[in-house]
Structures are given as C-alpha cells and as structure tokens.
Amino acid sequence: MTLEISRRAERIVQSEIRSMHIECERVKGINLSQGVCDTEVPVTVRRGAQQAIEDGINTYTRFDGLTELREAIARKMRTYNGITADPESEIIVSSGATGSFYSACMALLNPGDEVILFEPYYGYHVNTLLAVEAVPAYVRLHSPDWTFEPKELQAAITPRTKGILVNTPANPSGKVFTIKELEAIRDIAVERDLFVFTDEIYEYFLYDGRTHISPGALPGMADRTITISGYSKTFSITGWRIGYSVSDAKWAQMIGYLSDLVYVCAPAPLQKGVAQGIRELDEGYYRNLRAEYERKRALICDALTKAGLPPCVPQGAYYVLADAGHLPGATSKDKAMFILSQARVAGVPDEAFFHAPGDRAFVRFCFAKEDPELMEACRRLETLGSLA
C-alpha cells in the first residue's frame, strides 16, 4: 500500500486569496486581496473580552456558545433580521461563519448531494461543499448588477439537488439580493423541497440606502433556512472566529453536535466581548459603519476608474470587482500578477470566483483598510492609467 492523501483532499485547492497574499508579501506590496478588515475594533468589544479573561472565563463553553451571547444574538435576529429564534435550541455559536457553514453541511448533506451557488461565488463555500463530498452546481449572475432570472435557477436543479446557497451581501460581487429575487428563490425552494443556506456575514455593509433582507424571514422559509452570520467583519475581529447559525431546532441540534466535534467551542472570552458589543453598540455605530465604508468604496472605485479598470460598483460588502480585460496576460491571474508587479497592490483573480472562464477578466480588491493604506493603494493603482 502506498501512503497518500485522501481522494477527498485531492479535490481541494489552495485559495487564490491565500496565494495572492503570499505573493504580495514577497514583493512587500499593499494587500487588497484578503478581507482581513484591519480597521479598529470597537472599544466595548475589546474591553468585554479583556474583562472576561480577567474574570476567569477561559475554559470550554457549552457546545452551542455562552448563554449571554446566544440571547444577544436572538434579540438581534428578532429586531434586525425579522427572525424569531429560541436561544436555547435554535442558535449555535461556532468558529466563525465558515465553521458554522461547515458544521451545517456536515449535518445536512450526504455525499453526492448538489448545492446551487450563484457565481461569482466565495471560494470557501465551494471548497467546504467539496470537503463534505457534496457537489457544487452553478447559476451565473450577470454583470454589472449581478442579476439572474428564476428560470436560470430552475434549470440548475436536478433530482440530486438538496439546497441553494445565498450570500447577501455577496463576496466578491457586493450584490445585495432584492426582495423579488429572494421570493423567487423561496418559491423554488418550497416547490422543490430544498434547504436554503445563507451567508449574511456582511449584513451591515449596505450602500445607497439599501436594507438587508434575511431569506429566513420570508414566509415559508423558517423550517428550511440555515441562517449563518457572525461578527468578524462588523466588529473588525476576523481573527476571533465568532460566528453562528440559526435554524429550526430539528436541524440545529445536529449542527451543534458536529460543531462540537470539530471546534469544541468558540473562544470563551471572545464570545463575551462580542456579546457585550451586540448589547451596547447602538444604531449609530452601524449607521457610521455604513457611511464610512461607503466613503471607502468611493475612493477605490474612483481610483480603479482612473486606472482604466472599470469597477462593478458594489451594493454591499467591502469588495469591488474591476474589469482588467485590457491588461497583459491570458488569464485573470496573469492580469492580477501584472497589477502586483506594476503597482505593488494585490487583488484576487476571478479564477477564485468562477468555475469556468467568462467573457470578461475581473480582479477583486478589498477596501476594508485604514485610510492611509487604502489611499496609498489607490494612488498606486491610478498609475496604471498611463498603461491603458
């Protein structure tokens, strides 16, 4: 017998986001490839975690998270998302939204089950499905507004389809699904008896007066929706790994058991910090967050326009896809590497977000940066305009 990696592992590839991060470090560039969100953490969140450490809250929590965090999430779900959830039986705190999705996939999907994603998609969604031996299927959104027709979703469904994944606001496109689109997804999911997995990690990053709509709040969706979110982005704590899922108790129990198997629990004192942030930060914090990121969006979209890289202006989240089609190179990876070599700014090629090449070549840039670094990145990108 020859020792080798598993057949499951052979299907997993390193994220292009990680790859470009490494390339950026090599040339000592500015990293706009990874959504690390290195802006300031709210004081009350920091203080809550620090006090928890001092108070001795440093051991395992219950598998589904601290009671006070689950109760805070339940209140937030009711007031912001329009979803009523029992904190004792329907909320599972896990290791980030990514951990929540992985636990849900392990609990609810069998090998060979198909799950439909809208592309451009977030690569970790695809690799998570592959890791549990599910099969990704795709519905392509149409730029620049990233729209789709219900008939396109219907056409992607087969007898093996088990679920649909909705990421709103979306990474990498910044798409915010409309009520009409979500109702179409709801109607199809109900008709075909499908799960709907949601990733709502960017739920507070909304622009131009848009509002967030949780698919699980729509009539007929409570029993079939696994609502996933977290505070990595909202509180700028991507390294804390505090995420959660909300679902009917009949699904949540097994999601929690499998989260416990893989992660045991999310870090205890950090759960306290997040709970304190949810309780104490008022609407003014979230209003300022939207305004601040809308300003950052304007900065980078203006720079990309001057660089000759037309942006698809995002409706939400904190990424922008720019059309790099005119740059040298046969692939978007070649074009992203050209940008890195010429401007020393790292973006992510669209191979990370599409399962097959399209008719345009996009590069994704993250604008969740402190102003000095973002403005320097914009200045560097603008120098590409002379090469257009």
Protein backbone atom coordinates (compact mmCIF):
# COMPACT_ATOMS: atom_id res chain seq x y z
CA MET A 1 0.00 0.00 0.00
CA THR A 2 1.28 3.48 -0.89
CA LEU A 3 0.61 6.24 1.60
CA GLU A 4 -1.16 9.20 0.01
CA ILE A 5 -3.65 11.94 0.77
CA SER A 6 -7.35 11.14 0.69
CA ARG A 7 -9.38 11.34 -2.51
CA ARG A 8 -11.47 13.98 -0.74
CA ALA A 9 -8.40 16.15 -0.14
CA GLU A 10 -7.32 15.85 -3.77
CA ARG A 11 -10.36 17.92 -4.75
CA ILE A 12 -9.39 20.86 -2.53
CA VAL A 13 -7.09 23.58 -3.87
CA GLN A 14 -5.40 26.42 -2.04
CA SER A 15 -7.43 29.59 -2.10
CA GLU A 16 -6.29 32.17 -4.64
CA ILE A 17 -6.86 34.68 -1.85
CA ARG A 18 -4.15 32.99 0.22
CA SER A 19 -1.93 32.65 -2.84
CA MET A 20 -2.10 36.37 -3.66
CA HIS A 21 -1.50 37.21 0.00
CA ILE A 22 1.77 35.26 -0.20
CA GLU A 23 2.74 36.91 -3.49
CA CYS A 24 2.01 40.34 -2.00
CA GLU A 25 4.26 39.65 0.98
CA ARG A 26 7.03 38.56 -1.39
CA VAL A 27 7.11 41.96 -3.14
CA LYS A 28 6.21 43.90 0.04
CA GLY A 29 3.09 45.30 -1.61
CA ILE A 30 -0.24 46.53 -0.26
CA ASN A 31 -2.60 43.64 0.29
CA LEU A 32 -6.11 44.33 -1.02
CA SER A 33 -6.62 40.64 -1.71
CA GLN A 34 -7.74 39.30 1.66
CA GLY A 35 -10.76 40.55 3.58
CA VAL A 36 -8.87 40.81 6.86
CA CYS A 37 -10.72 44.02 7.83
CA ASP A 38 -7.88 45.69 9.72
CA THR A 39 -9.91 48.69 10.87
CA GLU A 40 -10.34 49.50 14.58
CA VAL A 41 -12.17 47.11 16.92
CA PRO A 42 -14.88 48.89 18.97
CA VAL A 43 -13.68 49.70 22.47
CA THR A 44 -16.60 47.99 24.21
CA VAL A 45 -15.88 44.75 22.33
CA ARG A 46 -12.20 44.83 23.30
CA ARG A 47 -12.97 45.69 26.91
CA GLY A 48 -15.56 42.93 27.16
CA ALA A 49 -13.07 40.28 26.07
CA GLN A 50 -10.29 41.66 28.29
CA GLN A 51 -12.56 41.70 31.34
CA ALA A 52 -13.72 38.16 30.59
CA ILE A 53 -10.11 36.96 30.66
CA GLU A 54 -9.55 38.71 33.98
CA ASP A 55 -12.78 37.23 35.33
CA GLY A 56 -11.58 33.71 34.52
CA ILE A 57 -13.87 32.96 31.59
CA ASN A 58 -11.16 30.95 29.84
CA THR A 59 -12.42 27.37 29.75
CA TYR A 60 -14.78 25.48 27.46
CA THR A 61 -18.23 26.95 26.99
CA ARG A 62 -21.34 24.95 26.28
CA PHE A 63 -21.04 23.43 22.80
CA ASP A 64 -23.51 25.96 21.37
CA GLY A 65 -21.95 29.01 22.99
CA LEU A 66 -22.32 31.19 26.07
CA THR A 67 -25.91 31.80 27.14
CA GLU A 68 -25.50 35.57 27.11
CA LEU A 69 -24.16 35.53 23.54
CA ARG A 70 -26.97 33.30 22.27
CA GLU A 71 -29.51 35.56 23.97
CA ALA A 72 -27.90 38.66 22.45
CA ILE A 73 -27.95 37.04 19.00
CA ALA A 74 -31.63 36.08 19.48
CA ARG A 75 -32.55 39.71 20.24
CA LYS A 76 -30.56 40.95 17.27
CA MET A 77 -32.12 38.34 14.96
CA ARG A 78 -35.60 39.45 16.02
CA THR A 79 -35.03 43.20 15.70
CA TYR A 80 -32.66 43.34 12.69
CA ASN A 81 -33.33 40.18 10.67
CA GLY A 82 -37.01 39.64 11.42
CA ILE A 83 -36.36 36.07 12.57
CA THR A 84 -37.57 34.68 15.90
CA ALA A 85 -35.15 32.08 17.29
CA ASP A 86 -35.03 30.24 20.61
CA PRO A 87 -31.54 30.85 22.08
CA GLU A 88 -31.73 27.51 23.89
CA SER A 89 -32.44 25.30 20.90
CA GLU A 90 -32.06 27.17 17.60
CA ILE A 91 -28.80 29.15 17.80
CA ILE A 92 -25.35 27.54 17.51
CA VAL A 93 -22.22 29.62 18.07
CA SER A 94 -19.26 28.19 16.18
CA SER A 95 -15.80 29.04 14.89
CA GLY A 96 -16.70 31.87 12.54
CA ALA A 97 -19.34 31.87 9.81
CA THR A 98 -17.08 29.47 7.89
CA GLY A 99 -17.20 27.00 10.78
CA SER A 100 -20.95 27.40 11.01
CA PHE A 101 -21.35 26.60 7.32
CA TYR A 102 -19.06 23.58 7.55
CA SER A 103 -20.98 22.22 10.54
CA ALA A 104 -24.30 22.74 8.74
CA CYS A 105 -23.01 20.97 5.63
CA MET A 106 -21.79 18.00 7.66
CA ALA A 107 -25.11 17.80 9.46
CA LEU A 108 -27.46 18.14 6.48
CA LEU A 109 -25.71 16.99 3.30
CA ASN A 110 -24.88 13.49 2.10
CA PRO A 111 -22.10 12.65 -0.38
CA GLY A 112 -23.38 13.38 -3.87
CA ASP A 113 -25.99 15.92 -2.78
CA GLU A 114 -25.95 19.00 -5.01
CA VAL A 115 -26.00 22.57 -3.72
CA ILE A 116 -26.52 25.50 -6.09
CA LEU A 117 -24.29 28.56 -5.75
CA PHE A 118 -24.60 31.89 -7.51
CA GLU A 119 -21.36 32.85 -9.19
CA PRO A 120 -19.18 34.76 -8.74
CA TYR A 121 -19.07 32.80 -5.50
CA TYR A 122 -16.89 32.80 -2.41
CA GLY A 123 -14.30 30.06 -2.91
CA TYR A 124 -14.53 28.73 0.65
CA HIS A 125 -18.18 27.88 0.02
CA VAL A 126 -17.19 25.65 -2.88
CA ASN A 127 -14.32 24.00 -1.03
CA THR A 128 -16.49 23.37 2.03
CA LEU A 129 -19.02 21.56 -0.15
CA LEU A 130 -16.23 19.52 -1.73
CA ALA A 131 -14.81 18.71 1.70
CA VAL A 132 -18.09 17.05 2.74
CA GLU A 133 -18.31 15.35 -0.70
CA ALA A 134 -21.28 17.38 -1.85
CA VAL A 135 -21.45 18.63 -5.44
CA PRO A 136 -21.49 22.35 -6.27
CA ALA A 137 -23.76 23.49 -9.10
CA TYR A 138 -23.79 27.00 -10.50
CA VAL A 139 -26.06 29.80 -11.64
CA ARG A 140 -24.08 32.65 -13.18
CA LEU A 141 -25.01 36.20 -12.23
CA HIS A 142 -24.89 38.83 -14.98
CA SER A 143 -22.65 41.87 -14.51
CA PRO A 144 -22.53 44.74 -13.82
CA ASP A 145 -25.52 44.46 -11.44
CA TRP A 146 -25.16 40.69 -10.95
CA THR A 147 -28.73 39.73 -11.75
CA PHE A 148 -30.30 36.37 -12.60
CA GLU A 149 -33.58 35.04 -13.92
CA PRO A 150 -35.63 32.49 -11.93
CA LYS A 151 -35.66 30.21 -14.99
CA GLU A 152 -31.87 30.01 -14.76
CA LEU A 153 -32.17 28.76 -11.18
CA GLN A 154 -34.89 26.29 -12.13
CA ALA A 155 -32.68 24.93 -14.93
CA ALA A 156 -29.85 24.20 -12.50
CA ILE A 157 -31.98 21.93 -10.29
CA THR A 158 -31.66 18.17 -10.72
CA PRO A 159 -33.09 15.21 -8.76
CA ARG A 160 -29.91 15.33 -6.63
CA THR A 161 -30.27 18.99 -5.62
CA LYS A 162 -30.50 19.35 -1.84
CA GLY A 163 -30.01 23.07 -1.32
CA ILE A 164 -29.35 26.60 -2.55
CA LEU A 165 -26.69 28.89 -1.09
CA VAL A 166 -27.42 32.62 -0.91
CA ASN A 167 -24.67 35.06 0.06
CA THR A 168 -26.15 38.51 0.65
CA PRO A 169 -24.46 40.96 0.61
CA ALA A 170 -22.15 38.89 -1.54
CA ASN A 171 -18.43 38.31 -1.66
CA PRO A 172 -16.90 39.07 -4.17
CA SER A 173 -19.52 40.97 -6.19
CA GLY A 174 -21.09 43.11 -3.47
CA LYS A 175 -24.53 42.05 -4.72
CA VAL A 176 -27.46 42.61 -2.37
CA PHE A 177 -30.30 40.27 -3.31
CA THR A 178 -33.61 42.05 -3.80
CA ILE A 179 -36.90 41.01 -2.23
CA LYS A 180 -38.12 39.93 -5.68
CA GLU A 181 -35.08 37.71 -6.19
CA LEU A 182 -35.34 36.23 -2.70
CA GLU A 183 -39.03 35.50 -3.15
CA ALA A 184 -38.21 33.69 -6.41
CA ILE A 185 -35.61 31.62 -4.57
CA ARG A 186 -38.14 30.97 -1.80
CA ASP A 187 -40.81 29.81 -4.23
CA ILE A 188 -38.41 27.39 -5.93
CA ALA A 189 -37.05 26.08 -2.62
CA VAL A 190 -40.55 25.41 -1.31
CA GLU A 191 -41.72 23.84 -4.56
CA ARG A 192 -38.67 21.55 -4.79
CA ASP A 193 -38.31 20.99 -1.01
CA LEU A 194 -34.77 22.35 -0.72
CA PHE A 195 -32.66 23.74 2.08
CA VAL A 196 -31.53 27.35 1.76
CA PHE A 197 -28.15 28.06 3.32
CA THR A 198 -27.40 31.73 3.76
CA ASP A 199 -24.16 33.58 4.41
CA GLU A 200 -25.04 37.01 5.80
CA ILE A 201 -21.66 37.94 7.30
CA TYR A 202 -21.76 41.35 5.54
CA GLU A 203 -25.32 42.13 6.62
CA TYR A 204 -24.42 45.58 8.00
CA PHE A 205 -22.36 46.68 4.99
CA LEU A 206 -25.06 48.23 2.78
CA TYR A 207 -24.85 51.22 0.45
CA ASP A 208 -27.10 53.74 -1.29
CA GLY A 209 -29.90 53.31 1.24
CA ARG A 210 -30.31 49.56 0.79
CA THR A 211 -31.70 47.37 3.57
CA HIS A 212 -30.77 43.83 4.48
CA ILE A 213 -33.33 41.08 3.90
CA SER A 214 -32.74 37.70 5.52
CA PRO A 215 -34.16 34.86 3.39
CA GLY A 216 -35.16 33.02 6.57
CA ALA A 217 -37.58 35.84 7.45
CA LEU A 218 -39.72 35.26 4.35
CA PRO A 219 -43.00 33.36 4.79
CA GLY A 220 -42.50 29.63 4.32
CA MET A 221 -38.75 29.72 4.93
CA ALA A 222 -38.33 29.22 8.68
CA ASP A 223 -38.21 25.42 8.57
CA ARG A 224 -35.79 25.13 5.66
CA THR A 225 -33.35 28.02 6.08
CA ILE A 226 -29.97 27.82 7.82
CA THR A 227 -29.11 31.45 8.52
CA ILE A 228 -25.37 31.95 9.01
CA SER A 229 -23.56 35.10 10.10
CA GLY A 230 -21.05 36.41 12.62
CA TYR A 231 -19.18 39.47 13.82
CA SER A 232 -15.78 39.06 12.16
CA LYS A 233 -16.46 41.88 9.72
CA THR A 234 -18.91 44.04 11.68
CA PHE A 235 -16.57 44.40 14.67
CA SER A 236 -13.28 44.03 12.69
CA ILE A 237 -12.38 40.83 14.57
CA THR A 238 -11.69 38.40 11.73
CA GLY A 239 -9.15 36.53 13.87
CA TRP A 240 -11.55 35.96 16.76
CA ARG A 241 -13.66 33.40 14.88
CA ILE A 242 -17.09 34.09 16.37
CA GLY A 243 -19.90 33.01 14.04
CA TYR A 244 -23.29 31.39 14.42
CA SER A 245 -26.10 29.60 12.67
CA VAL A 246 -29.83 29.95 13.25
CA SER A 247 -32.20 27.20 12.19
CA ASP A 248 -35.16 25.12 13.27
CA ALA A 249 -34.35 23.07 16.36
CA LYS A 250 -34.56 19.82 14.40
CA TRP A 251 -31.55 20.93 12.34
CA ALA A 252 -29.74 22.98 14.98
CA GLN A 253 -29.19 20.07 17.36
CA MET A 254 -27.08 18.08 14.91
CA ILE A 255 -25.34 21.20 13.58
CA GLY A 256 -24.31 21.88 17.17
CA TYR A 257 -23.09 18.33 17.77
CA LEU A 258 -20.89 18.45 14.69
CA SER A 259 -19.60 21.92 15.54
CA ASP A 260 -18.63 20.49 18.92
CA LEU A 261 -16.87 17.55 17.24
CA VAL A 262 -14.71 19.78 15.02
CA TYR A 263 -14.28 23.00 17.01
CA VAL A 264 -15.38 22.12 20.60
CA CYS A 265 -16.38 25.76 21.11
CA ALA A 266 -15.57 29.28 20.01
CA PRO A 267 -13.06 31.11 22.27
CA ALA A 268 -14.84 31.80 25.57
CA PRO A 269 -13.60 35.32 26.46
CA LEU A 270 -14.05 36.47 22.87
CA GLN A 271 -17.66 35.32 22.97
CA LYS A 272 -18.11 37.64 25.97
CA GLY A 273 -16.61 40.54 24.05
CA VAL A 274 -18.97 40.00 21.12
CA ALA A 275 -21.99 39.68 23.41
CA GLN A 276 -21.09 42.98 25.04
CA GLY A 277 -20.71 44.64 21.64
CA ILE A 278 -24.13 43.43 20.48
CA ARG A 279 -25.74 44.71 23.67
CA GLU A 280 -24.04 48.08 23.92
CA LEU A 281 -23.46 49.35 20.37
CA ASP A 282 -26.48 51.31 19.21
CA GLU A 283 -27.83 52.08 15.74
CA GLY A 284 -25.41 54.99 15.50
CA TYR A 285 -22.49 52.56 15.31
CA TYR A 286 -24.00 50.68 12.37
CA ARG A 287 -25.04 53.89 10.64
CA ASN A 288 -21.48 55.21 10.92
CA LEU A 289 -20.12 51.88 9.69
CA ARG A 290 -22.21 52.12 6.51
CA ALA A 291 -21.19 55.73 5.92
CA GLU A 292 -17.50 55.01 6.49
CA TYR A 293 -17.42 52.10 4.07
CA GLU A 294 -19.49 53.94 1.50
CA ARG A 295 -16.76 56.60 1.58
CA LYS A 296 -14.05 53.96 1.19
CA ARG A 297 -15.99 52.43 -1.70
CA ALA A 298 -15.98 55.80 -3.47
CA LEU A 299 -12.22 56.14 -3.01
CA ILE A 300 -11.34 52.80 -4.56
CA CYS A 301 -13.92 52.93 -7.35
CA ASP A 302 -12.64 56.36 -8.36
CA ALA A 303 -9.05 55.06 -8.37
CA LEU A 304 -9.98 51.99 -10.41
CA THR A 305 -11.76 54.16 -12.96
CA LYS A 306 -8.67 56.35 -13.29
CA ALA A 307 -6.55 53.20 -13.60
CA GLY A 308 -8.58 52.04 -16.59
CA LEU A 309 -10.04 49.16 -14.57
CA PRO A 310 -13.80 49.82 -14.70
CA PRO A 311 -15.37 48.77 -11.38
CA CYS A 312 -18.68 46.99 -10.88
CA VAL A 313 -19.76 49.30 -8.06
CA PRO A 314 -20.75 47.07 -5.12
CA GLN A 315 -24.16 47.37 -3.48
CA GLY A 316 -22.86 45.93 -0.21
CA ALA A 317 -19.92 44.12 1.48
CA TYR A 318 -16.44 45.62 1.08
CA TYR A 319 -15.06 44.24 -2.15
CA VAL A 320 -15.12 45.52 -5.71
CA LEU A 321 -14.66 43.55 -8.92
CA ALA A 322 -12.77 45.51 -11.56
CA ASP A 323 -12.62 44.68 -15.27
CA ALA A 324 -8.95 44.05 -16.06
CA GLY A 325 -9.57 42.67 -19.53
CA HIS A 326 -7.26 45.08 -21.33
CA LEU A 327 -4.20 44.27 -19.21
CA PRO A 328 -1.50 41.88 -20.43
CA GLY A 329 -1.97 38.18 -19.80
CA ALA A 330 -4.12 35.30 -20.94
CA THR A 331 -5.88 34.79 -17.61
CA SER A 332 -7.13 36.98 -14.79
CA LYS A 333 -4.32 35.52 -12.64
CA ASP A 334 -1.83 36.88 -15.18
CA LYS A 335 -3.56 40.26 -15.00
CA ALA A 336 -3.61 40.27 -11.19
CA MET A 337 0.10 39.49 -11.18
CA PHE A 338 0.68 42.32 -13.67
CA ILE A 339 -1.08 44.74 -11.33
CA LEU A 340 1.01 43.46 -8.42
CA SER A 341 4.26 43.81 -10.37
CA GLN A 342 3.50 47.29 -11.71
CA ALA A 343 1.62 48.90 -8.80
CA ARG A 344 2.56 46.60 -5.91
CA VAL A 345 -1.11 46.21 -4.99
CA ALA A 346 -2.55 42.71 -4.60
CA GLY A 347 -6.02 41.74 -5.81
CA VAL A 348 -7.62 38.36 -6.37
CA PRO A 349 -8.08 36.96 -9.90
CA ASP A 350 -11.56 35.85 -10.86
CA GLU A 351 -10.48 32.21 -11.21
CA ALA A 352 -11.18 32.17 -7.46
CA PHE A 353 -14.84 33.07 -8.03
CA PHE A 354 -15.97 31.33 -11.24
CA HIS A 355 -15.95 27.63 -12.06
CA ALA A 356 -15.30 28.34 -15.75
CA PRO A 357 -13.86 31.35 -17.62
CA GLY A 358 -16.29 34.08 -18.62
CA ASP A 359 -16.13 36.68 -21.34
CA ARG A 360 -14.50 39.24 -19.05
CA ALA A 361 -11.49 39.13 -16.71
CA PHE A 362 -12.10 40.54 -13.23
CA VAL A 363 -9.80 41.23 -10.30
CA ARG A 364 -11.25 41.67 -6.80
CA PHE A 365 -10.00 44.35 -4.42
CA CYS A 366 -10.86 44.67 -0.72
CA PHE A 367 -11.35 48.19 0.68
CA ALA A 368 -11.64 47.27 4.38
CA LYS A 369 -8.45 49.16 5.16
CA GLU A 370 -7.42 52.08 7.31
CA ASP A 371 -7.40 55.28 5.27
CA PRO A 372 -3.62 55.82 4.93
CA GLU A 373 -3.06 52.34 3.46
CA LEU A 374 -6.16 52.49 1.28
CA MET A 375 -5.27 55.91 -0.09
CA GLU A 376 -1.72 54.79 -0.90
CA ALA A 377 -3.12 51.71 -2.67
CA CYS A 378 -5.44 53.97 -4.66
CA ARG A 379 -2.54 56.24 -5.61
CA ARG A 380 -0.56 53.24 -6.85
CA LEU A 381 -3.49 51.85 -8.80
CA GLU A 382 -4.04 55.17 -10.54
CA THR A 383 -0.54 54.92 -12.02
CA LEU A 384 -1.82 52.04 -14.12
CA GLY A 385 -3.91 54.57 -16.05
CA SER A 386 -0.85 55.51 -18.11
CA LEU A 387 -0.69 51.91 -19.31
CA ALA A 388 -4.33 51.80 -20.51
